[in-house]
Amino acid sequence: MGKNQHVVPKGDKWAIKGAGNEHYTRIVDTQEQAISIAREIAKNQKSELVIHRKNGTIRDKDSFGNDPYPPKDTKF
């Protein structure tokens, strides 16, 4: 499993940063662009995508690896 990918604010832009990395992977103009790029990286690395708000709090997460707590199969 690779490093989790974080989409974080960087001034008036948005950045993608691998967990624990000192440098940003990429800096783009919009959060939407950053999410798209980070999602592909997370899929390739079978890791988690963590999306932050402008204030730094976590807005959303998406897992592309082996989920230790997968949803139960429910029948309706």
C-alpha atoms as a PDB file:
ATOM      1  CA  MET A   1       0.000   0.000   0.000  1.00  0.00           C
ATOM      2  CA  GLY A   2       1.356   3.438  -0.987  1.00  0.00           C
ATOM      3  CA  LYS A   3       1.279   6.757   0.804  1.00  0.00           C
ATOM      4  CA  ASN A   4      -2.049   8.427   1.446  1.00  0.00           C
ATOM      5  CA  GLN A   5      -2.605  11.399  -0.860  1.00  0.00           C
ATOM      6  CA  HIS A   6      -3.731  14.682   0.671  1.00  0.00           C
ATOM      7  CA  VAL A   7      -5.405  17.541  -1.209  1.00  0.00           C
ATOM      8  CA  VAL A   8      -4.503  20.667   0.756  1.00  0.00           C
ATOM      9  CA  PRO A   9      -4.830  24.444   0.327  1.00  0.00           C
ATOM     10  CA  LYS A  10      -1.633  26.239  -0.742  1.00  0.00           C
ATOM     11  CA  GLY A  11      -2.274  29.983  -0.672  1.00  0.00           C
ATOM     12  CA  ASP A  12      -4.912  30.639  -3.333  1.00  0.00           C
ATOM     13  CA  LYS A  13      -4.123  27.317  -5.045  1.00  0.00           C
ATOM     14  CA  TRP A  14      -4.469  23.636  -4.183  1.00  0.00           C
ATOM     15  CA  ALA A  15      -1.737  21.049  -3.723  1.00  0.00           C
ATOM     16  CA  ILE A  16      -1.346  17.279  -3.678  1.00  0.00           C
ATOM     17  CA  LYS A  17       1.021  15.928  -1.071  1.00  0.00           C
ATOM     18  CA  GLY A  18       1.898  12.343  -0.200  1.00  0.00           C
ATOM     19  CA  ALA A  19       1.705  11.580   3.523  1.00  0.00           C
ATOM     20  CA  GLY A  20       5.062  12.258   5.152  1.00  0.00           C
ATOM     21  CA  ASN A  21       6.554  13.940   2.072  1.00  0.00           C
ATOM     22  CA  GLU A  22       8.381  17.245   2.493  1.00  0.00           C
ATOM     23  CA  HIS A  23       7.491  18.507  -0.984  1.00  0.00           C
ATOM     24  CA  TYR A  24       4.205  18.812  -2.825  1.00  0.00           C
ATOM     25  CA  THR A  25       3.594  16.388  -5.671  1.00  0.00           C
ATOM     26  CA  ARG A  26       1.791  19.057  -7.661  1.00  0.00           C
ATOM     27  CA  ILE A  27       0.186  22.496  -7.250  1.00  0.00           C
ATOM     28  CA  VAL A  28      -2.873  23.426  -9.343  1.00  0.00           C
ATOM     29  CA  ASP A  29      -5.442  26.225  -9.558  1.00  0.00           C
ATOM     30  CA  THR A  30      -8.571  24.444  -8.310  1.00  0.00           C
ATOM     31  CA  GLN A  31      -9.497  21.885  -5.690  1.00  0.00           C
ATOM     32  CA  GLU A  32     -11.341  19.923  -8.373  1.00  0.00           C
ATOM     33  CA  GLN A  33      -8.123  19.545 -10.403  1.00  0.00           C
ATOM     34  CA  ALA A  34      -6.188  18.510  -7.306  1.00  0.00           C
ATOM     35  CA  ILE A  35      -8.801  15.911  -6.335  1.00  0.00           C
ATOM     36  CA  SER A  36      -8.753  14.384  -9.825  1.00  0.00           C
ATOM     37  CA  ILE A  37      -4.954  14.078  -9.855  1.00  0.00           C
ATOM     38  CA  ALA A  38      -4.731  12.809  -6.268  1.00  0.00           C
ATOM     39  CA  ARG A  39      -7.497  10.251  -6.900  1.00  0.00           C
ATOM     40  CA  GLU A  40      -5.516   8.705  -9.767  1.00  0.00           C
ATOM     41  CA  ILE A  41      -2.352   8.562  -7.638  1.00  0.00           C
ATOM     42  CA  ALA A  42      -4.260   6.966  -4.737  1.00  0.00           C
ATOM     43  CA  LYS A  43      -5.824   4.396  -7.084  1.00  0.00           C
ATOM     44  CA  ASN A  44      -2.423   3.493  -8.548  1.00  0.00           C
ATOM     45  CA  GLN A  45      -0.841   3.205  -5.096  1.00  0.00           C
ATOM     46  CA  LYS A  46      -3.879   1.484  -3.538  1.00  0.00           C
ATOM     47  CA  SER A  47      -3.929   4.119  -0.808  1.00  0.00           C
ATOM     48  CA  GLU A  48      -6.335   6.649   0.656  1.00  0.00           C
ATOM     49  CA  LEU A  49      -7.359  10.052  -0.695  1.00  0.00           C
ATOM     50  CA  VAL A  50      -7.823  12.710   2.006  1.00  0.00           C
ATOM     51  CA  ILE A  51      -9.472  15.970   0.915  1.00  0.00           C
ATOM     52  CA  HIS A  52      -9.027  19.032   3.131  1.00  0.00           C
ATOM     53  CA  ARG A  53     -11.052  22.259   3.276  1.00  0.00           C
ATOM     54  CA  LYS A  54      -9.517  25.741   2.934  1.00  0.00           C
ATOM     55  CA  ASN A  55      -9.215  25.884   6.744  1.00  0.00           C
ATOM     56  CA  GLY A  56      -7.262  22.605   6.784  1.00  0.00           C
ATOM     57  CA  THR A  57      -9.928  20.362   8.310  1.00  0.00           C
ATOM     58  CA  ILE A  58     -10.758  17.099   6.575  1.00  0.00           C
ATOM     59  CA  ARG A  59     -13.711  17.356   4.214  1.00  0.00           C
ATOM     60  CA  ASP A  60     -13.779  13.832   2.803  1.00  0.00           C
ATOM     61  CA  LYS A  61     -11.851  10.568   2.488  1.00  0.00           C
ATOM     62  CA  ASP A  62     -11.866   7.846  -0.136  1.00  0.00           C
ATOM     63  CA  SER A  63     -10.050   4.528   0.160  1.00  0.00           C
ATOM     64  CA  PHE A  64      -8.615   2.665  -2.829  1.00  0.00           C
ATOM     65  CA  GLY A  65      -6.706  -0.009  -0.904  1.00  0.00           C
ATOM     66  CA  ASN A  66      -7.720  -3.044   1.074  1.00  0.00           C
ATOM     67  CA  ASP A  67     -10.310  -1.729   3.507  1.00  0.00           C
ATOM     68  CA  PRO A  68      -9.927  -3.461   6.902  1.00  0.00           C
ATOM     69  CA  TYR A  69     -13.568  -2.587   7.675  1.00  0.00           C
ATOM     70  CA  PRO A  70     -15.528  -3.197   4.459  1.00  0.00           C
ATOM     71  CA  PRO A  71     -19.284  -2.633   4.592  1.00  0.00           C
ATOM     72  CA  LYS A  72     -21.361  -5.650   5.506  1.00  0.00           C
ATOM     73  CA  ASP A  73     -23.299  -7.263   2.694  1.00  0.00           C
ATOM     74  CA  THR A  74     -26.877  -6.311   3.441  1.00  0.00           C
ATOM     75  CA  LYS A  75     -29.854  -7.636   1.530  1.00  0.00           C
ATOM     76  CA  PHE A  76     -32.937  -5.538   1.090  1.00  0.00           C
END
